Amino acid sequence: MEAVAEGLWGLADHHEDQGEIAKAIKCLEAVCQSQVPFLPIIEVKTRLRVAVLLLKHSHNVNHAKAHLERAQVLLNKMPSCFELKCRAYSLLSQCYHLVGAVPSQKHILGKALELTATSGDGDIDMKRATAAPSMNIILDIPESIGLTTPSPMPASSRLMDMDLGRLGRRIT
């Protein structure tokens, strides 16, 4: 069955290259709607790709959001797939932003923070990210997305530490 998915992915690539986005989406949705189930990872990758095409080439945010929410359900059952989970959280956050669902956006960004904090390698500095500037959300500062868990120190102090910490000085 994986060969079928790869064939449909290739056909979708061809249609996308030709500018036939609707046909590309139909090829990808054929994987998602198949009567014979594919491996969950294949369905997740396909749904993420459909969502990207929908967000990039159409105004059908709700359709993209539906694919992302289904991908999220599948990803929650998988113990690994860190990069796919991050991508799904990012795209889903973008969808919630576009439809004006701020509480849902904050919730999904909070889950993304939890994922990065528990990823296992302990190197949070490598995983810090900044959300789109239009959202004014800095993901390494929990207060910026409304998390109620107190930080070890105020966000302003942490930002100052990032700027001056290398010099061994701290402005209070």
N, C-alpha and C. Protein backbone atom coordinates (compact mmCIF):
# COMPACT_ATOMS: atom_id res chain seq x y z
N MET A 1 0.81 -1.21 0.00
CA MET A 1 0.00 0.00 0.00
C MET A 1 0.85 1.27 0.00
N GLU A 2 2.05 1.17 0.56
CA GLU A 2 2.90 2.35 0.60
C GLU A 2 3.28 2.81 -0.80
N ALA A 3 3.41 1.86 -1.73
CA ALA A 3 3.73 2.22 -3.12
C ALA A 3 2.60 3.03 -3.74
N VAL A 4 1.37 2.70 -3.38
CA VAL A 4 0.22 3.45 -3.89
C VAL A 4 0.28 4.89 -3.38
N ALA A 5 0.57 5.05 -2.10
CA ALA A 5 0.68 6.39 -1.53
C ALA A 5 1.79 7.18 -2.21
N GLU A 6 2.93 6.53 -2.41
CA GLU A 6 4.04 7.22 -3.07
C GLU A 6 3.68 7.62 -4.50
N GLY A 7 2.92 6.76 -5.19
CA GLY A 7 2.47 7.09 -6.53
C GLY A 7 1.53 8.29 -6.53
N LEU A 8 0.61 8.32 -5.58
CA LEU A 8 -0.31 9.46 -5.48
C LEU A 8 0.43 10.73 -5.07
N TRP A 9 1.44 10.59 -4.20
CA TRP A 9 2.25 11.75 -3.84
C TRP A 9 2.99 12.29 -5.07
N GLY A 10 3.53 11.39 -5.89
CA GLY A 10 4.23 11.80 -7.10
C GLY A 10 3.30 12.49 -8.09
N LEU A 11 2.10 11.94 -8.23
CA LEU A 11 1.11 12.56 -9.11
C LEU A 11 0.71 13.93 -8.58
N ALA A 12 0.58 14.05 -7.27
CA ALA A 12 0.26 15.34 -6.66
C ALA A 12 1.38 16.35 -6.93
N ASP A 13 2.63 15.89 -6.84
CA ASP A 13 3.77 16.75 -7.16
C ASP A 13 3.67 17.27 -8.58
N HIS A 14 3.36 16.36 -9.50
CA HIS A 14 3.25 16.73 -10.92
C HIS A 14 2.16 17.79 -11.11
N HIS A 15 0.99 17.54 -10.53
CA HIS A 15 -0.11 18.50 -10.68
C HIS A 15 0.23 19.85 -10.04
N GLU A 16 0.91 19.80 -8.91
CA GLU A 16 1.30 21.05 -8.26
C GLU A 16 2.28 21.82 -9.14
N ASP A 17 3.24 21.11 -9.73
CA ASP A 17 4.20 21.76 -10.63
C ASP A 17 3.51 22.38 -11.84
N GLN A 18 2.42 21.77 -12.28
CA GLN A 18 1.65 22.28 -13.42
C GLN A 18 0.69 23.40 -13.01
N GLY A 19 0.62 23.68 -11.71
CA GLY A 19 -0.29 24.72 -11.23
C GLY A 19 -1.71 24.23 -11.04
N GLU A 20 -1.90 22.94 -11.11
CA GLU A 20 -3.23 22.34 -10.95
C GLU A 20 -3.41 21.91 -9.49
N ILE A 21 -3.61 22.88 -8.64
CA ILE A 21 -3.63 22.64 -7.19
C ILE A 21 -4.83 21.78 -6.79
N ALA A 22 -5.98 22.00 -7.39
CA ALA A 22 -7.16 21.20 -7.05
C ALA A 22 -6.92 19.72 -7.34
N LYS A 23 -6.27 19.43 -8.47
CA LYS A 23 -5.96 18.03 -8.80
C LYS A 23 -4.94 17.45 -7.83
N ALA A 24 -3.97 18.25 -7.44
CA ALA A 24 -2.97 17.79 -6.48
C ALA A 24 -3.64 17.44 -5.15
N ILE A 25 -4.56 18.29 -4.72
CA ILE A 25 -5.27 18.04 -3.46
C ILE A 25 -6.12 16.78 -3.57
N LYS A 26 -6.76 16.58 -4.72
CA LYS A 26 -7.58 15.36 -4.91
C LYS A 26 -6.72 14.10 -4.81
N CYS A 27 -5.53 14.14 -5.39
CA CYS A 27 -4.62 12.99 -5.30
C CYS A 27 -4.26 12.69 -3.85
N LEU A 28 -3.96 13.73 -3.11
CA LEU A 28 -3.58 13.55 -1.71
C LEU A 28 -4.77 13.10 -0.86
N GLU A 29 -5.93 13.66 -1.14
CA GLU A 29 -7.11 13.25 -0.37
C GLU A 29 -7.52 11.82 -0.67
N ALA A 30 -7.14 11.31 -1.83
CA ALA A 30 -7.41 9.90 -2.14
C ALA A 30 -6.70 8.99 -1.14
N VAL A 31 -5.52 9.40 -0.70
CA VAL A 31 -4.80 8.63 0.31
C VAL A 31 -5.58 8.66 1.63
N CYS A 32 -6.06 9.83 2.00
CA CYS A 32 -6.77 9.98 3.28
C CYS A 32 -8.12 9.28 3.29
N GLN A 33 -8.75 9.17 2.13
CA GLN A 33 -10.10 8.60 2.06
C GLN A 33 -10.13 7.16 1.58
N SER A 34 -8.99 6.54 1.50
CA SER A 34 -8.89 5.17 1.01
C SER A 34 -9.65 4.20 1.92
N GLN A 35 -10.31 3.21 1.30
CA GLN A 35 -11.01 2.18 2.06
C GLN A 35 -10.02 1.25 2.76
N VAL A 36 -8.85 1.10 2.17
CA VAL A 36 -7.79 0.29 2.77
C VAL A 36 -6.88 1.26 3.54
N PRO A 37 -6.74 1.07 4.83
CA PRO A 37 -5.97 2.04 5.61
C PRO A 37 -4.47 1.98 5.32
N PHE A 38 -3.88 3.16 5.29
CA PHE A 38 -2.44 3.29 5.17
C PHE A 38 -1.84 3.33 6.57
N LEU A 39 -0.54 3.23 6.66
CA LEU A 39 0.12 3.42 7.94
C LEU A 39 -0.19 4.83 8.45
N PRO A 40 -0.35 5.00 9.75
CA PRO A 40 -0.68 6.33 10.27
C PRO A 40 0.31 7.42 9.86
N ILE A 41 1.59 7.09 9.79
CA ILE A 41 2.59 8.09 9.42
C ILE A 41 2.36 8.59 8.00
N ILE A 42 1.92 7.71 7.11
CA ILE A 42 1.63 8.11 5.73
C ILE A 42 0.43 9.05 5.70
N GLU A 43 -0.60 8.69 6.47
CA GLU A 43 -1.78 9.55 6.51
C GLU A 43 -1.44 10.92 7.11
N VAL A 44 -0.63 10.94 8.15
CA VAL A 44 -0.25 12.20 8.78
C VAL A 44 0.50 13.08 7.78
N LYS A 45 1.51 12.53 7.12
CA LYS A 45 2.29 13.32 6.16
C LYS A 45 1.40 13.84 5.04
N THR A 46 0.46 13.01 4.60
CA THR A 46 -0.44 13.41 3.53
C THR A 46 -1.35 14.54 3.98
N ARG A 47 -1.91 14.40 5.17
CA ARG A 47 -2.81 15.45 5.69
C ARG A 47 -2.08 16.77 5.90
N LEU A 48 -0.84 16.70 6.36
CA LEU A 48 -0.07 17.93 6.52
C LEU A 48 0.17 18.60 5.17
N ARG A 49 0.45 17.79 4.17
CA ARG A 49 0.69 18.35 2.83
C ARG A 49 -0.58 18.95 2.25
N VAL A 50 -1.72 18.28 2.45
CA VAL A 50 -3.00 18.84 1.98
C VAL A 50 -3.24 20.19 2.65
N ALA A 51 -3.02 20.24 3.95
CA ALA A 51 -3.25 21.49 4.68
C ALA A 51 -2.35 22.61 4.17
N VAL A 52 -1.10 22.30 3.90
CA VAL A 52 -0.18 23.31 3.37
C VAL A 52 -0.68 23.84 2.03
N LEU A 53 -1.09 22.94 1.15
CA LEU A 53 -1.60 23.37 -0.15
C LEU A 53 -2.85 24.23 0.00
N LEU A 54 -3.75 23.81 0.88
CA LEU A 54 -4.98 24.58 1.09
C LEU A 54 -4.68 25.97 1.65
N LEU A 55 -3.78 26.04 2.60
CA LEU A 55 -3.45 27.34 3.19
C LEU A 55 -2.70 28.24 2.22
N LYS A 56 -1.88 27.64 1.38
CA LYS A 56 -1.06 28.41 0.45
C LYS A 56 -1.85 28.88 -0.78
N HIS A 57 -2.77 28.05 -1.24
CA HIS A 57 -3.40 28.33 -2.54
C HIS A 57 -4.91 28.58 -2.48
N SER A 58 -5.51 28.53 -1.31
CA SER A 58 -6.95 28.75 -1.24
C SER A 58 -7.29 29.52 0.02
N HIS A 59 -8.55 29.81 0.18
CA HIS A 59 -9.02 30.46 1.40
C HIS A 59 -9.81 29.47 2.25
N ASN A 60 -9.61 28.20 2.00
CA ASN A 60 -10.37 27.16 2.69
C ASN A 60 -9.66 26.74 3.98
N VAL A 61 -9.63 27.65 4.93
CA VAL A 61 -8.93 27.43 6.20
C VAL A 61 -9.59 26.31 6.99
N ASN A 62 -10.92 26.25 6.97
CA ASN A 62 -11.62 25.23 7.74
C ASN A 62 -11.31 23.82 7.24
N HIS A 63 -11.17 23.66 5.94
CA HIS A 63 -10.81 22.36 5.37
C HIS A 63 -9.39 21.98 5.80
N ALA A 64 -8.49 22.94 5.74
CA ALA A 64 -7.11 22.70 6.19
C ALA A 64 -7.10 22.36 7.68
N LYS A 65 -7.89 23.08 8.46
CA LYS A 65 -7.96 22.84 9.90
C LYS A 65 -8.47 21.44 10.20
N ALA A 66 -9.44 20.98 9.43
CA ALA A 66 -9.98 19.62 9.63
C ALA A 66 -8.90 18.57 9.38
N HIS A 67 -8.12 18.75 8.32
CA HIS A 67 -7.02 17.81 8.04
C HIS A 67 -5.97 17.85 9.16
N LEU A 68 -5.67 19.02 9.64
CA LEU A 68 -4.66 19.16 10.69
C LEU A 68 -5.14 18.56 12.02
N GLU A 69 -6.41 18.76 12.32
CA GLU A 69 -6.95 18.19 13.56
C GLU A 69 -6.94 16.67 13.51
N ARG A 70 -7.24 16.09 12.35
CA ARG A 70 -7.19 14.63 12.20
C ARG A 70 -5.74 14.15 12.30
N ALA A 71 -4.82 14.88 11.68
CA ALA A 71 -3.40 14.51 11.79
C ALA A 71 -2.95 14.58 13.24
N GLN A 72 -3.45 15.56 13.96
CA GLN A 72 -3.10 15.71 15.38
C GLN A 72 -3.57 14.51 16.19
N VAL A 73 -4.76 14.02 15.91
CA VAL A 73 -5.29 12.83 16.60
C VAL A 73 -4.37 11.64 16.35
N LEU A 74 -3.96 11.46 15.11
CA LEU A 74 -3.06 10.35 14.77
C LEU A 74 -1.70 10.52 15.43
N LEU A 75 -1.18 11.74 15.42
CA LEU A 75 0.13 11.99 16.01
C LEU A 75 0.14 11.78 17.52
N ASN A 76 -0.98 12.05 18.17
CA ASN A 76 -1.05 11.87 19.62
C ASN A 76 -0.86 10.41 20.02
N LYS A 77 -1.13 9.50 19.09
CA LYS A 77 -0.98 8.07 19.36
C LYS A 77 0.43 7.58 19.08
N MET A 78 1.27 8.43 18.50
CA MET A 78 2.63 8.05 18.13
C MET A 78 3.62 8.56 19.18
N PRO A 79 4.51 7.71 19.65
CA PRO A 79 5.45 8.14 20.69
C PRO A 79 6.57 9.05 20.19
N SER A 80 6.87 9.01 18.92
CA SER A 80 7.97 9.82 18.40
C SER A 80 7.42 10.85 17.42
N CYS A 81 8.08 11.08 16.33
CA CYS A 81 7.67 12.02 15.27
C CYS A 81 7.68 13.47 15.74
N PHE A 82 8.73 13.87 16.45
CA PHE A 82 8.83 15.22 17.00
C PHE A 82 8.63 16.29 15.94
N GLU A 83 9.33 16.17 14.80
CA GLU A 83 9.25 17.20 13.77
C GLU A 83 7.85 17.30 13.16
N LEU A 84 7.21 16.16 12.93
CA LEU A 84 5.85 16.19 12.39
C LEU A 84 4.88 16.81 13.39
N LYS A 85 5.05 16.49 14.65
CA LYS A 85 4.18 17.07 15.68
C LYS A 85 4.36 18.58 15.74
N CYS A 86 5.60 19.04 15.68
CA CYS A 86 5.86 20.48 15.69
C CYS A 86 5.24 21.16 14.47
N ARG A 87 5.38 20.52 13.32
CA ARG A 87 4.81 21.08 12.09
C ARG A 87 3.29 21.16 12.19
N ALA A 88 2.68 20.10 12.71
CA ALA A 88 1.22 20.09 12.86
C ALA A 88 0.77 21.18 13.83
N TYR A 89 1.46 21.32 14.96
CA TYR A 89 1.11 22.37 15.92
C TYR A 89 1.24 23.74 15.28
N SER A 90 2.30 23.96 14.53
CA SER A 90 2.52 25.25 13.89
C SER A 90 1.42 25.58 12.88
N LEU A 91 1.10 24.62 12.02
CA LEU A 91 0.06 24.85 11.02
C LEU A 91 -1.31 25.02 11.66
N LEU A 92 -1.59 24.22 12.68
CA LEU A 92 -2.88 24.33 13.36
C LEU A 92 -3.00 25.68 14.07
N SER A 93 -1.91 26.14 14.65
CA SER A 93 -1.90 27.46 15.27
C SER A 93 -2.19 28.55 14.24
N GLN A 94 -1.60 28.40 13.06
CA GLN A 94 -1.85 29.35 11.98
C GLN A 94 -3.32 29.35 11.59
N CYS A 95 -3.92 28.17 11.48
CA CYS A 95 -5.35 28.08 11.14
C CYS A 95 -6.21 28.76 12.19
N TYR A 96 -5.93 28.47 13.46
CA TYR A 96 -6.70 29.09 14.54
C TYR A 96 -6.55 30.61 14.50
N HIS A 97 -5.36 31.08 14.18
CA HIS A 97 -5.14 32.52 14.05
C HIS A 97 -6.00 33.09 12.92
N LEU A 98 -6.02 32.41 11.79
CA LEU A 98 -6.76 32.91 10.63
C LEU A 98 -8.27 32.94 10.86
N VAL A 99 -8.78 32.01 11.67
CA VAL A 99 -10.23 32.00 11.93
C VAL A 99 -10.57 32.79 13.20
N GLY A 100 -9.56 33.34 13.85
CA GLY A 100 -9.80 34.17 15.03
C GLY A 100 -10.08 33.39 16.31
N ALA A 101 -9.67 32.14 16.36
CA ALA A 101 -9.89 31.30 17.54
C ALA A 101 -8.68 31.41 18.47
N VAL A 102 -8.56 32.55 19.15
CA VAL A 102 -7.39 32.81 19.98
C VAL A 102 -7.24 31.81 21.13
N PRO A 103 -8.32 31.46 21.86
CA PRO A 103 -8.14 30.47 22.93
C PRO A 103 -7.61 29.12 22.41
N SER A 104 -8.11 28.69 21.27
CA SER A 104 -7.62 27.44 20.68
C SER A 104 -6.17 27.58 20.25
N GLN A 105 -5.82 28.74 19.73
CA GLN A 105 -4.44 28.98 19.32
C GLN A 105 -3.51 28.95 20.53
N LYS A 106 -3.92 29.58 21.62
CA LYS A 106 -3.10 29.57 22.83
C LYS A 106 -2.94 28.14 23.35
N HIS A 107 -4.03 27.38 23.31
CA HIS A 107 -3.99 26.00 23.80
C HIS A 107 -3.01 25.16 22.99
N ILE A 108 -3.08 25.28 21.67
CA ILE A 108 -2.22 24.46 20.81
C ILE A 108 -0.76 24.89 20.96
N LEU A 109 -0.51 26.18 21.14
CA LEU A 109 0.87 26.63 21.35
C LEU A 109 1.38 26.16 22.71
N GLY A 110 0.50 26.10 23.69
CA GLY A 110 0.88 25.55 24.99
C GLY A 110 1.27 24.09 24.89
N LYS A 111 0.51 23.34 24.08
CA LYS A 111 0.85 21.93 23.86
C LYS A 111 2.18 21.79 23.13
N ALA A 112 2.44 22.71 22.21
CA ALA A 112 3.73 22.69 21.51
C ALA A 112 4.87 22.96 22.48
N LEU A 113 4.66 23.88 23.40
CA LEU A 113 5.67 24.15 24.42
C LEU A 113 5.93 22.93 25.28
N GLU A 114 4.86 22.26 25.68
CA GLU A 114 5.00 21.03 26.48
C GLU A 114 5.81 19.99 25.71
N LEU A 115 5.53 19.86 24.43
CA LEU A 115 6.26 18.89 23.61
C LEU A 115 7.75 19.20 23.58
N THR A 116 8.08 20.46 23.36
CA THR A 116 9.49 20.81 23.29
C THR A 116 10.17 20.65 24.65
N ALA A 117 9.43 20.92 25.72
CA ALA A 117 10.01 20.80 27.06
C ALA A 117 10.25 19.34 27.45
N THR A 118 9.46 18.44 26.90
CA THR A 118 9.57 17.03 27.27
C THR A 118 10.16 16.18 26.16
N SER A 119 10.83 16.80 25.21
CA SER A 119 11.34 16.05 24.06
C SER A 119 12.47 15.10 24.42
N GLY A 120 13.08 15.28 25.58
CA GLY A 120 14.04 14.29 26.03
C GLY A 120 15.50 14.65 25.95
N ASP A 121 15.89 15.57 25.10
CA ASP A 121 17.33 15.84 25.01
C ASP A 121 17.77 16.98 25.92
N GLY A 122 16.82 17.67 26.51
CA GLY A 122 17.15 18.70 27.49
C GLY A 122 17.75 19.97 26.91
N ASP A 123 17.84 20.09 25.62
CA ASP A 123 18.45 21.26 25.01
C ASP A 123 17.37 22.19 24.49
N ILE A 124 16.70 22.86 25.39
CA ILE A 124 15.61 23.75 25.03
C ILE A 124 16.09 24.91 24.16
N ASP A 125 17.32 25.39 24.39
CA ASP A 125 17.82 26.52 23.61
C ASP A 125 17.76 26.25 22.12
N MET A 126 17.96 25.01 21.71
CA MET A 126 17.93 24.68 20.29
C MET A 126 16.51 24.65 19.75
N LYS A 127 15.53 24.58 20.63
CA LYS A 127 14.15 24.45 20.18
C LYS A 127 13.35 25.74 20.36
N ARG A 128 13.98 26.78 20.82
CA ARG A 128 13.26 28.04 20.97
C ARG A 128 12.82 28.53 19.61
N ALA A 129 11.63 29.06 19.59
CA ALA A 129 11.11 29.54 18.32
C ALA A 129 10.27 30.77 18.57
N THR A 130 10.11 31.54 17.56
CA THR A 130 9.26 32.71 17.66
C THR A 130 8.12 32.54 16.68
N ALA A 131 6.90 32.78 17.16
CA ALA A 131 5.73 32.67 16.30
C ALA A 131 5.77 33.82 15.30
N ALA A 132 4.85 33.75 14.36
CA ALA A 132 4.79 34.80 13.34
C ALA A 132 4.71 36.16 14.01
N PRO A 133 5.44 37.15 13.50
CA PRO A 133 5.46 38.48 14.13
C PRO A 133 4.07 39.08 14.29
N SER A 134 3.15 38.76 13.41
CA SER A 134 1.82 39.33 13.51
C SER A 134 1.07 38.84 14.74
N MET A 135 1.52 37.70 15.31
CA MET A 135 0.83 37.16 16.48
C MET A 135 1.44 37.66 17.78
N ASN A 136 2.62 38.25 17.74
CA ASN A 136 3.29 38.77 18.93
C ASN A 136 3.37 37.75 20.05
N ILE A 137 3.74 36.53 19.71
CA ILE A 137 3.87 35.47 20.70
C ILE A 137 5.28 34.92 20.62
N ILE A 138 5.99 34.96 21.73
CA ILE A 138 7.32 34.38 21.79
C ILE A 138 7.19 33.07 22.55
N LEU A 139 7.49 31.97 21.88
CA LEU A 139 7.19 30.66 22.44
C LEU A 139 8.03 30.28 23.65
N ASP A 140 9.16 30.91 23.88
CA ASP A 140 9.94 30.53 25.05
C ASP A 140 9.59 31.36 26.28
N ILE A 141 8.58 32.18 26.17
CA ILE A 141 8.11 32.96 27.31
C ILE A 141 6.66 32.56 27.56
N PRO A 142 6.41 31.68 28.54
CA PRO A 142 5.06 31.15 28.76
C PRO A 142 4.00 32.21 28.99
N GLU A 143 4.35 33.34 29.62
CA GLU A 143 3.35 34.37 29.89
C GLU A 143 2.78 34.96 28.60
N SER A 144 3.53 34.92 27.52
CA SER A 144 3.07 35.54 26.29
C SER A 144 1.90 34.81 25.66
N ILE A 145 1.67 33.57 26.06
CA ILE A 145 0.50 32.85 25.53
C ILE A 145 -0.49 32.54 26.64
N GLY A 146 -0.36 33.22 27.76
CA GLY A 146 -1.35 33.11 28.81
C GLY A 146 -1.22 31.91 29.73
N LEU A 147 -0.06 31.25 29.75
CA LEU A 147 0.11 30.14 30.68
C LEU A 147 0.16 30.68 32.09
N THR A 148 -0.51 29.99 33.01
CA THR A 148 -0.60 30.47 34.37
C THR A 148 0.54 29.97 35.24
N THR A 149 1.31 29.02 34.76
CA THR A 149 2.44 28.51 35.53
C THR A 149 3.48 29.61 35.67
N PRO A 150 3.85 29.97 36.90
CA PRO A 150 4.83 31.04 37.05
C PRO A 150 6.20 30.62 36.53
N SER A 151 6.87 31.55 35.95
CA SER A 151 8.22 31.31 35.45
C SER A 151 9.21 31.44 36.60
N PRO A 152 10.40 30.87 36.45
CA PRO A 152 11.39 31.01 37.50
C PRO A 152 11.79 32.47 37.73
N MET A 153 11.71 33.28 36.71
CA MET A 153 11.98 34.71 36.84
C MET A 153 11.13 35.42 35.79
N PRO A 154 10.86 36.69 35.95
CA PRO A 154 10.02 37.40 34.98
C PRO A 154 10.62 37.36 33.58
N ALA A 155 9.74 37.41 32.60
CA ALA A 155 10.17 37.33 31.21
C ALA A 155 11.17 38.43 30.88
N SER A 156 10.94 39.64 31.39
CA SER A 156 11.85 40.74 31.07
C SER A 156 13.26 40.45 31.58
N SER A 157 13.37 39.81 32.74
CA SER A 157 14.69 39.45 33.26
C SER A 157 15.35 38.40 32.40
N ARG A 158 14.53 37.43 31.93
CA ARG A 158 15.09 36.39 31.08
C ARG A 158 15.59 36.96 29.78
N LEU A 159 14.85 37.91 29.22
CA LEU A 159 15.29 38.53 27.97
C LEU A 159 16.59 39.30 28.21
N MET A 160 16.68 39.99 29.33
CA MET A 160 17.89 40.73 29.65
C MET A 160 19.06 39.76 29.81
N ASP A 161 18.81 38.63 30.46
CA ASP A 161 19.86 37.63 30.63
C ASP A 161 20.36 37.14 29.28
N MET A 162 19.44 37.00 28.32
CA MET A 162 19.86 36.53 27.00
C MET A 162 20.80 37.54 26.36
N ASP A 163 20.51 38.84 26.57
CA ASP A 163 21.34 39.88 25.96
C ASP A 163 22.65 40.09 26.70
N LEU A 164 22.60 40.10 28.03
CA LEU A 164 23.77 40.46 28.81
C LEU A 164 24.38 39.29 29.57
N GLY A 165 23.74 38.14 29.51
CA GLY A 165 24.19 37.00 30.28
C GLY A 165 25.61 36.58 29.95
N ARG A 166 25.99 36.72 28.73
CA ARG A 166 27.34 36.32 28.33
C ARG A 166 28.40 37.22 28.96
N LEU A 167 28.00 38.43 29.31
CA LEU A 167 28.95 39.36 29.91
C LEU A 167 29.00 39.21 31.43
N GLY A 168 28.12 38.38 31.99
CA GLY A 168 28.10 38.17 33.43
C GLY A 168 27.44 39.30 34.19
N ARG A 169 26.72 40.18 33.50
CA ARG A 169 26.05 41.29 34.17
C ARG A 169 24.54 41.10 34.08
N ARG A 170 23.88 41.64 35.04
CA ARG A 170 22.42 41.58 35.04
C ARG A 170 21.88 42.92 35.51
N ILE A 171 21.00 43.49 34.72
CA ILE A 171 20.39 44.77 35.08
C ILE A 171 19.07 44.45 35.75
N THR A 172 18.84 45.01 36.93
CA THR A 172 17.57 44.76 37.64
C THR A 172 16.77 46.01 37.77
